[in-house]
Amino acid sequence: NIYLRGFPPWEEDGWIGRSIRLGDLRARVLEKTVRCPATSVNPTNDERDVDLPGVLREHFGRNTLGLYLSVSRAGTTRQNDLVVVER
């Protein structure tokens, strides 16, 4: 997982089908990541004690959070690397 900051909320929705550079890594943005029910499982007791997809829908009107990428050129990424979304 890679956490990005410095972008407006949900800007990544417009990146689908585009290429990005992150450090030496190059990737194509495939689609949004839909949060599955497994994210609701408490890892200490294996019980579903929060409905994370439901919370996302309730508060943001969506159950997606993140993007799936296909790496086209492997590379090294480091904290604070610049992210470039190619046009």
PDB file of N, CA and C in Angstrom:
ATOM      1  N   ASN A   1       0.831  -1.180   0.000  1.00  0.00           N
ATOM      2  CA  ASN A   1       0.000   0.000   0.000  1.00  0.00           C
ATOM      3  C   ASN A   1       0.876   1.244   0.000  1.00  0.00           C
ATOM      4  N   ILE A   2       0.431   2.227  -0.723  1.00  0.00           N
ATOM      5  CA  ILE A   2       1.128   3.509  -0.779  1.00  0.00           C
ATOM      6  C   ILE A   2       0.120   4.584  -0.426  1.00  0.00           C
ATOM      7  N   TYR A   3       0.448   5.395   0.557  1.00  0.00           N
ATOM      8  CA  TYR A   3      -0.413   6.491   0.988  1.00  0.00           C
ATOM      9  C   TYR A   3       0.098   7.779   0.363  1.00  0.00           C
ATOM     10  N   LEU A   4      -0.797   8.513  -0.293  1.00  0.00           N
ATOM     11  CA  LEU A   4      -0.429   9.781  -0.925  1.00  0.00           C
ATOM     12  C   LEU A   4      -1.094  10.929  -0.185  1.00  0.00           C
ATOM     13  N   ARG A   5      -0.407  12.051  -0.133  1.00  0.00           N
ATOM     14  CA  ARG A   5      -0.998  13.255   0.443  1.00  0.00           C
ATOM     15  C   ARG A   5      -0.682  14.430  -0.481  1.00  0.00           C
ATOM     16  N   GLY A   6      -1.428  15.504  -0.284  1.00  0.00           N
ATOM     17  CA  GLY A   6      -1.207  16.697  -1.089  1.00  0.00           C
ATOM     18  C   GLY A   6      -2.116  16.811  -2.299  1.00  0.00           C
ATOM     19  N   PHE A   7      -3.066  15.878  -2.437  1.00  0.00           N
ATOM     20  CA  PHE A   7      -4.021  15.926  -3.540  1.00  0.00           C
ATOM     21  C   PHE A   7      -5.409  16.232  -2.980  1.00  0.00           C
ATOM     22  N   PRO A   8      -6.248  16.908  -3.745  1.00  0.00           N
ATOM     23  CA  PRO A   8      -7.615  17.132  -3.288  1.00  0.00           C
ATOM     24  C   PRO A   8      -8.358  15.795  -3.124  1.00  0.00           C
ATOM     25  N   PRO A   9      -9.355  15.745  -2.233  1.00  0.00           N
ATOM     26  CA  PRO A   9     -10.113  14.509  -2.043  1.00  0.00           C
ATOM     27  C   PRO A   9     -10.699  13.996  -3.352  1.00  0.00           C
ATOM     28  N   TRP A  10     -10.543  12.708  -3.558  1.00  0.00           N
ATOM     29  CA  TRP A  10     -11.111  11.961  -4.681  1.00  0.00           C
ATOM     30  C   TRP A  10     -10.513  12.337  -6.043  1.00  0.00           C
ATOM     31  N   GLU A  11      -9.450  13.114  -6.072  1.00  0.00           N
ATOM     32  CA  GLU A  11      -8.819  13.462  -7.354  1.00  0.00           C
ATOM     33  C   GLU A  11      -8.403  12.208  -8.121  1.00  0.00           C
ATOM     34  N   GLU A  12      -8.021  11.177  -7.385  1.00  0.00           N
ATOM     35  CA  GLU A  12      -7.537   9.952  -8.024  1.00  0.00           C
ATOM     36  C   GLU A  12      -8.600   9.282  -8.892  1.00  0.00           C
ATOM     37  N   ASP A  13      -9.868   9.622  -8.709  1.00  0.00           N
ATOM     38  CA  ASP A  13     -10.912   9.062  -9.568  1.00  0.00           C
ATOM     39  C   ASP A  13     -10.654   9.400 -11.038  1.00  0.00           C
ATOM     40  N   GLY A  14     -10.022  10.527 -11.300  1.00  0.00           N
ATOM     41  CA  GLY A  14      -9.725  10.946 -12.663  1.00  0.00           C
ATOM     42  C   GLY A  14      -8.452  10.336 -13.227  1.00  0.00           C
ATOM     43  N   TRP A  15      -7.770   9.522 -12.451  1.00  0.00           N
ATOM     44  CA  TRP A  15      -6.509   8.935 -12.910  1.00  0.00           C
ATOM     45  C   TRP A  15      -6.687   7.593 -13.616  1.00  0.00           C
ATOM     46  N   ILE A  16      -7.875   7.025 -13.596  1.00  0.00           N
ATOM     47  CA  ILE A  16      -8.092   5.708 -14.197  1.00  0.00           C
ATOM     48  C   ILE A  16      -7.740   5.756 -15.679  1.00  0.00           C
ATOM     49  N   GLY A  17      -6.916   4.789 -16.099  1.00  0.00           N
ATOM     50  CA  GLY A  17      -6.457   4.720 -17.481  1.00  0.00           C
ATOM     51  C   GLY A  17      -5.183   5.504 -17.749  1.00  0.00           C
ATOM     52  N   ARG A  18      -4.723   6.256 -16.759  1.00  0.00           N
ATOM     53  CA  ARG A  18      -3.510   7.064 -16.934  1.00  0.00           C
ATOM     54  C   ARG A  18      -2.310   6.373 -16.303  1.00  0.00           C
ATOM     55  N   SER A  19      -1.145   6.870 -16.608  1.00  0.00           N
ATOM     56  CA  SER A  19       0.095   6.348 -16.027  1.00  0.00           C
ATOM     57  C   SER A  19       0.579   7.293 -14.951  1.00  0.00           C
ATOM     58  N   ILE A  20       1.235   6.713 -13.938  1.00  0.00           N
ATOM     59  CA  ILE A  20       1.823   7.529 -12.883  1.00  0.00           C
ATOM     60  C   ILE A  20       3.275   7.121 -12.681  1.00  0.00           C
ATOM     61  N   ARG A  21       4.036   8.074 -12.172  1.00  0.00           N
ATOM     62  CA  ARG A  21       5.417   7.825 -11.761  1.00  0.00           C
ATOM     63  C   ARG A  21       5.507   8.099 -10.277  1.00  0.00           C
ATOM     64  N   LEU A  22       6.155   7.200  -9.567  1.00  0.00           N
ATOM     65  CA  LEU A  22       6.365   7.348  -8.137  1.00  0.00           C
ATOM     66  C   LEU A  22       7.779   6.888  -7.859  1.00  0.00           C
ATOM     67  N   GLY A  23       8.683   7.847  -7.691  1.00  0.00           N
ATOM     68  CA  GLY A  23      10.097   7.487  -7.626  1.00  0.00           C
ATOM     69  C   GLY A  23      10.501   6.881  -8.956  1.00  0.00           C
ATOM     70  N   ASP A  24      11.150   5.726  -8.922  1.00  0.00           N
ATOM     71  CA  ASP A  24      11.550   5.025 -10.148  1.00  0.00           C
ATOM     72  C   ASP A  24      10.435   4.137 -10.707  1.00  0.00           C
ATOM     73  N   LEU A  25       9.391   3.939  -9.937  1.00  0.00           N
ATOM     74  CA  LEU A  25       8.301   3.046 -10.329  1.00  0.00           C
ATOM     75  C   LEU A  25       7.399   3.721 -11.359  1.00  0.00           C
ATOM     76  N   ARG A  26       6.955   2.940 -12.329  1.00  0.00           N
ATOM     77  CA  ARG A  26       5.976   3.405 -13.312  1.00  0.00           C
ATOM     78  C   ARG A  26       4.804   2.430 -13.268  1.00  0.00           C
ATOM     79  N   ALA A  27       3.586   2.974 -13.310  1.00  0.00           N
ATOM     80  CA  ALA A  27       2.407   2.112 -13.237  1.00  0.00           C
ATOM     81  C   ALA A  27       1.252   2.738 -13.989  1.00  0.00           C
ATOM     82  N   ARG A  28       0.324   1.890 -14.366  1.00  0.00           N
ATOM     83  CA  ARG A  28      -0.915   2.330 -15.006  1.00  0.00           C
ATOM     84  C   ARG A  28      -2.038   2.160 -13.978  1.00  0.00           C
ATOM     85  N   VAL A  29      -2.911   3.148 -13.891  1.00  0.00           N
ATOM     86  CA  VAL A  29      -4.027   3.105 -12.954  1.00  0.00           C
ATOM     87  C   VAL A  29      -5.167   2.327 -13.615  1.00  0.00           C
ATOM     88  N   LEU A  30      -5.583   1.232 -12.966  1.00  0.00           N
ATOM     89  CA  LEU A  30      -6.590   0.353 -13.553  1.00  0.00           C
ATOM     90  C   LEU A  30      -8.016   0.701 -13.150  1.00  0.00           C
ATOM     91  N   GLU A  31      -8.276   0.748 -11.841  1.00  0.00           N
ATOM     92  CA  GLU A  31      -9.639   0.980 -11.371  1.00  0.00           C
ATOM     93  C   GLU A  31      -9.627   1.322  -9.887  1.00  0.00           C
ATOM     94  N   LYS A  32     -10.789   1.748  -9.384  1.00  0.00           N
ATOM     95  CA  LYS A  32     -10.938   2.052  -7.965  1.00  0.00           C
ATOM     96  C   LYS A  32     -10.936   0.749  -7.164  1.00  0.00           C
ATOM     97  N   THR A  33     -10.474   0.836  -5.930  1.00  0.00           N
ATOM     98  CA  THR A  33     -10.486  -0.297  -5.013  1.00  0.00           C
ATOM     99  C   THR A  33     -11.759  -0.237  -4.186  1.00  0.00           C
ATOM    100  N   VAL A  34     -12.607  -1.257  -4.328  1.00  0.00           N
ATOM    101  CA  VAL A  34     -13.828  -1.345  -3.535  1.00  0.00           C
ATOM    102  C   VAL A  34     -13.480  -2.019  -2.217  1.00  0.00           C
ATOM    103  N   ARG A  35     -13.890  -1.409  -1.137  1.00  0.00           N
ATOM    104  CA  ARG A  35     -13.633  -1.983   0.190  1.00  0.00           C
ATOM    105  C   ARG A  35     -14.528  -3.193   0.374  1.00  0.00           C
ATOM    106  N   CYS A  36     -13.941  -4.304   0.749  1.00  0.00           N
ATOM    107  CA  CYS A  36     -14.694  -5.535   0.935  1.00  0.00           C
ATOM    108  C   CYS A  36     -15.049  -5.727   2.411  1.00  0.00           C
ATOM    109  N   PRO A  37     -15.965  -6.646   2.702  1.00  0.00           N
ATOM    110  CA  PRO A  37     -16.362  -6.886   4.093  1.00  0.00           C
ATOM    111  C   PRO A  37     -15.206  -7.335   4.996  1.00  0.00           C
ATOM    112  N   ALA A  38     -14.140  -7.856   4.432  1.00  0.00           N
ATOM    113  CA  ALA A  38     -13.005  -8.285   5.263  1.00  0.00           C
ATOM    114  C   ALA A  38     -12.418  -7.125   6.057  1.00  0.00           C
ATOM    115  N   THR A  39     -12.600  -5.895   5.573  1.00  0.00           N
ATOM    116  CA  THR A  39     -12.084  -4.731   6.296  1.00  0.00           C
ATOM    117  C   THR A  39     -12.860  -4.467   7.574  1.00  0.00           C
ATOM    118  N   SER A  40     -13.966  -5.177   7.764  1.00  0.00           N
ATOM    119  CA  SER A  40     -14.794  -5.000   8.960  1.00  0.00           C
ATOM    120  C   SER A  40     -14.438  -5.984  10.076  1.00  0.00           C
ATOM    121  N   VAL A  41     -13.505  -6.890   9.815  1.00  0.00           N
ATOM    122  CA  VAL A  41     -13.151  -7.922  10.788  1.00  0.00           C
ATOM    123  C   VAL A  41     -12.105  -7.404  11.769  1.00  0.00           C
ATOM    124  N   ASN A  42     -12.392  -7.584  13.036  1.00  0.00           N
ATOM    125  CA  ASN A  42     -11.466  -7.211  14.104  1.00  0.00           C
ATOM    126  C   ASN A  42     -10.349  -8.260  14.135  1.00  0.00           C
ATOM    127  N   PRO A  43      -9.091  -7.874  13.925  1.00  0.00           N
ATOM    128  CA  PRO A  43      -8.006  -8.864  13.856  1.00  0.00           C
ATOM    129  C   PRO A  43      -7.692  -9.542  15.188  1.00  0.00           C
ATOM    130  N   THR A  44      -8.160  -8.985  16.284  1.00  0.00           N
ATOM    131  CA  THR A  44      -7.857  -9.615  17.583  1.00  0.00           C
ATOM    132  C   THR A  44      -8.841 -10.710  17.967  1.00  0.00           C
ATOM    133  N   ASN A  45     -10.086 -10.644  17.429  1.00  0.00           N
ATOM    134  CA  ASN A  45     -11.062 -11.666  17.807  1.00  0.00           C
ATOM    135  C   ASN A  45     -11.819 -12.264  16.619  1.00  0.00           C
ATOM    136  N   ASP A  46     -11.488 -11.878  15.415  1.00  0.00           N
ATOM    137  CA  ASP A  46     -12.097 -12.392  14.179  1.00  0.00           C
ATOM    138  C   ASP A  46     -13.593 -12.106  14.046  1.00  0.00           C
ATOM    139  N   GLU A  47     -14.102 -11.161  14.798  1.00  0.00           N
ATOM    140  CA  GLU A  47     -15.514 -10.794  14.702  1.00  0.00           C
ATOM    141  C   GLU A  47     -15.672  -9.562  13.824  1.00  0.00           C
ATOM    142  N   ARG A  48     -16.777  -9.516  13.109  1.00  0.00           N
ATOM    143  CA  ARG A  48     -17.099  -8.316  12.323  1.00  0.00           C
ATOM    144  C   ARG A  48     -17.771  -7.324  13.261  1.00  0.00           C
ATOM    145  N   ASP A  49     -17.030  -6.309  13.651  1.00  0.00           N
ATOM    146  CA  ASP A  49     -17.553  -5.375  14.638  1.00  0.00           C
ATOM    147  C   ASP A  49     -17.698  -3.948  14.126  1.00  0.00           C
ATOM    148  N   VAL A  50     -17.413  -3.729  12.861  1.00  0.00           N
ATOM    149  CA  VAL A  50     -17.622  -2.429  12.238  1.00  0.00           C
ATOM    150  C   VAL A  50     -17.894  -2.673  10.755  1.00  0.00           C
ATOM    151  N   ASP A  51     -18.825  -1.937  10.198  1.00  0.00           N
ATOM    152  CA  ASP A  51     -19.156  -2.074   8.778  1.00  0.00           C
ATOM    153  C   ASP A  51     -18.447  -0.957   8.018  1.00  0.00           C
ATOM    154  N   LEU A  52     -17.163  -1.152   7.750  1.00  0.00           N
ATOM    155  CA  LEU A  52     -16.388  -0.105   7.092  1.00  0.00           C
ATOM    156  C   LEU A  52     -16.949   0.281   5.729  1.00  0.00           C
ATOM    157  N   PRO A  53     -17.310  -0.677   4.852  1.00  0.00           N
ATOM    158  CA  PRO A  53     -17.907  -0.247   3.584  1.00  0.00           C
ATOM    159  C   PRO A  53     -19.186   0.577   3.793  1.00  0.00           C
ATOM    160  N   GLY A  54     -19.998   0.200   4.784  1.00  0.00           N
ATOM    161  CA  GLY A  54     -21.216   0.955   5.080  1.00  0.00           C
ATOM    162  C   GLY A  54     -20.919   2.352   5.594  1.00  0.00           C
ATOM    163  N   VAL A  55     -19.897   2.477   6.430  1.00  0.00           N
ATOM    164  CA  VAL A  55     -19.498   3.781   6.950  1.00  0.00           C
ATOM    165  C   VAL A  55     -19.026   4.681   5.807  1.00  0.00           C
ATOM    166  N   LEU A  56     -18.254   4.122   4.892  1.00  0.00           N
ATOM    167  CA  LEU A  56     -17.801   4.907   3.736  1.00  0.00           C
ATOM    168  C   LEU A  56     -18.993   5.388   2.907  1.00  0.00           C
ATOM    169  N   ARG A  57     -19.941   4.472   2.656  1.00  0.00           N
ATOM    170  CA  ARG A  57     -21.139   4.869   1.883  1.00  0.00           C
ATOM    171  C   ARG A  57     -21.930   5.948   2.608  1.00  0.00           C
ATOM    172  N   GLU A  58     -22.099   5.768   3.922  1.00  0.00           N
ATOM    173  CA  GLU A  58     -22.892   6.719   4.705  1.00  0.00           C
ATOM    174  C   GLU A  58     -22.274   8.114   4.725  1.00  0.00           C
ATOM    175  N   HIS A  59     -20.969   8.182   4.925  1.00  0.00           N
ATOM    176  CA  HIS A  59     -20.322   9.484   5.101  1.00  0.00           C
ATOM    177  C   HIS A  59     -19.813  10.113   3.805  1.00  0.00           C
ATOM    178  N   PHE A  60     -19.473   9.268   2.818  1.00  0.00           N
ATOM    179  CA  PHE A  60     -18.871   9.806   1.593  1.00  0.00           C
ATOM    180  C   PHE A  60     -19.642   9.464   0.322  1.00  0.00           C
ATOM    181  N   GLY A  61     -20.699   8.658   0.452  1.00  0.00           N
ATOM    182  CA  GLY A  61     -21.488   8.293  -0.721  1.00  0.00           C
ATOM    183  C   GLY A  61     -20.774   7.345  -1.663  1.00  0.00           C
ATOM    184  N   ARG A  62     -19.832   6.592  -1.131  1.00  0.00           N
ATOM    185  CA  ARG A  62     -19.045   5.658  -1.950  1.00  0.00           C
ATOM    186  C   ARG A  62     -18.448   4.595  -1.041  1.00  0.00           C
ATOM    187  N   ASN A  63     -18.094   3.448  -1.611  1.00  0.00           N
ATOM    188  CA  ASN A  63     -17.432   2.407  -0.828  1.00  0.00           C
ATOM    189  C   ASN A  63     -16.067   2.070  -1.424  1.00  0.00           C
ATOM    190  N   THR A  64     -15.495   3.036  -2.098  1.00  0.00           N
ATOM    191  CA  THR A  64     -14.156   2.862  -2.669  1.00  0.00           C
ATOM    192  C   THR A  64     -13.151   3.668  -1.864  1.00  0.00           C
ATOM    193  N   LEU A  65     -11.937   3.177  -1.872  1.00  0.00           N
ATOM    194  CA  LEU A  65     -10.883   3.854  -1.128  1.00  0.00           C
ATOM    195  C   LEU A  65      -9.552   3.357  -1.681  1.00  0.00           C
ATOM    196  N   GLY A  66      -9.023   4.061  -2.658  1.00  0.00           N
ATOM    197  CA  GLY A  66      -7.760   3.656  -3.259  1.00  0.00           C
ATOM    198  C   GLY A  66      -7.919   3.249  -4.705  1.00  0.00           C
ATOM    199  N   LEU A  67      -6.791   2.845  -5.287  1.00  0.00           N
ATOM    200  CA  LEU A  67      -6.742   2.468  -6.699  1.00  0.00           C
ATOM    201  C   LEU A  67      -5.947   1.185  -6.876  1.00  0.00           C
ATOM    202  N   TYR A  68      -6.326   0.399  -7.882  1.00  0.00           N
ATOM    203  CA  TYR A  68      -5.507  -0.727  -8.293  1.00  0.00           C
ATOM    204  C   TYR A  68      -4.562  -0.237  -9.389  1.00  0.00           C
ATOM    205  N   LEU A  69      -3.303  -0.630  -9.290  1.00  0.00           N
ATOM    206  CA  LEU A  69      -2.294  -0.257 -10.278  1.00  0.00           C
ATOM    207  C   LEU A  69      -1.713  -1.496 -10.926  1.00  0.00           C
ATOM    208  N   SER A  70      -1.246  -1.342 -12.133  1.00  0.00           N
ATOM    209  CA  SER A  70      -0.470  -2.378 -12.825  1.00  0.00           C
ATOM    210  C   SER A  70       0.915  -1.801 -13.059  1.00  0.00           C
ATOM    211  N   VAL A  71       1.914  -2.404 -12.452  1.00  0.00           N
ATOM    212  CA  VAL A  71       3.278  -1.883 -12.562  1.00  0.00           C
ATOM    213  C   VAL A  71       3.822  -2.177 -13.951  1.00  0.00           C
ATOM    214  N   SER A  72       4.242  -1.136 -14.642  1.00  0.00           N
ATOM    215  CA  SER A  72       4.818  -1.296 -15.971  1.00  0.00           C
ATOM    216  C   SER A  72       6.346  -1.285 -15.924  1.00  0.00           C
ATOM    217  N   ARG A  73       6.898  -0.657 -14.891  1.00  0.00           N
ATOM    218  CA  ARG A  73       8.348  -0.694 -14.681  1.00  0.00           C
ATOM    219  C   ARG A  73       8.608  -0.657 -13.179  1.00  0.00           C
ATOM    220  N   ALA A  74       9.160  -1.746 -12.678  1.00  0.00           N
ATOM    221  CA  ALA A  74       9.472  -1.820 -11.254  1.00  0.00           C
ATOM    222  C   ALA A  74      10.514  -0.769 -10.901  1.00  0.00           C
ATOM    223  N   GLY A  75      10.476  -0.328  -9.670  1.00  0.00           N
ATOM    224  CA  GLY A  75      11.437   0.668  -9.235  1.00  0.00           C
ATOM    225  C   GLY A  75      11.356   0.875  -7.739  1.00  0.00           C
ATOM    226  N   THR A  76      12.212   1.706  -7.251  1.00  0.00           N
ATOM    227  CA  THR A  76      12.272   2.016  -5.833  1.00  0.00           C
ATOM    228  C   THR A  76      11.428   3.242  -5.538  1.00  0.00           C
ATOM    229  N   THR A  77      10.632   3.152  -4.490  1.00  0.00           N
ATOM    230  CA  THR A  77       9.887   4.306  -4.017  1.00  0.00           C
ATOM    231  C   THR A  77      10.313   4.591  -2.585  1.00  0.00           C
ATOM    232  N   ARG A  78      10.337   5.847  -2.259  1.00  0.00           N
ATOM    233  CA  ARG A  78      10.749   6.265  -0.919  1.00  0.00           C
ATOM    234  C   ARG A  78       9.755   7.265  -0.365  1.00  0.00           C
ATOM    235  N   GLN A  79       9.732   7.377   0.935  1.00  0.00           N
ATOM    236  CA  GLN A  79       8.871   8.358   1.567  1.00  0.00           C
ATOM    237  C   GLN A  79       9.188   9.741   0.987  1.00  0.00           C
ATOM    238  N   ASN A  80       8.153  10.499   0.708  1.00  0.00           N
ATOM    239  CA  ASN A  80       8.235  11.856   0.155  1.00  0.00           C
ATOM    240  C   ASN A  80       8.632  11.913  -1.314  1.00  0.00           C
ATOM    241  N   ASP A  81       8.651  10.768  -2.021  1.00  0.00           N
ATOM    242  CA  ASP A  81       8.871  10.812  -3.469  1.00  0.00           C
ATOM    243  C   ASP A  81       7.748  11.600  -4.131  1.00  0.00           C
ATOM    244  N   LEU A  82       8.078  12.290  -5.181  1.00  0.00           N
ATOM    245  CA  LEU A  82       7.099  13.042  -5.963  1.00  0.00           C
ATOM    246  C   LEU A  82       6.248  12.071  -6.781  1.00  0.00           C
ATOM    247  N   VAL A  83       4.966  12.307  -6.793  1.00  0.00           N
ATOM    248  CA  VAL A  83       4.045  11.515  -7.620  1.00  0.00           C
ATOM    249  C   VAL A  83       3.684  12.355  -8.832  1.00  0.00           C
ATOM    250  N   VAL A  84       3.883  11.781 -10.012  1.00  0.00           N
ATOM    251  CA  VAL A  84       3.558  12.488 -11.259  1.00  0.00           C
ATOM    252  C   VAL A  84       2.497  11.687 -11.993  1.00  0.00           C
ATOM    253  N   VAL A  85       1.365  12.332 -12.262  1.00  0.00           N
ATOM    254  CA  VAL A  85       0.292  11.710 -13.035  1.00  0.00           C
ATOM    255  C   VAL A  85       0.466  12.201 -14.458  1.00  0.00           C
ATOM    256  N   GLU A  86       0.737  11.277 -15.362  1.00  0.00           N
ATOM    257  CA  GLU A  86       0.989  11.650 -16.752  1.00  0.00           C
ATOM    258  C   GLU A  86      -0.309  11.872 -17.489  1.00  0.00           C
ATOM    259  N   ARG A  87      -0.304  12.839 -18.354  1.00  0.00           N
ATOM    260  CA  ARG A  87      -1.503  13.191 -19.133  1.00  0.00           C
ATOM    261  C   ARG A  87      -1.656  12.291 -20.314  1.00  0.00           C
TER     262      ARG A  87
END
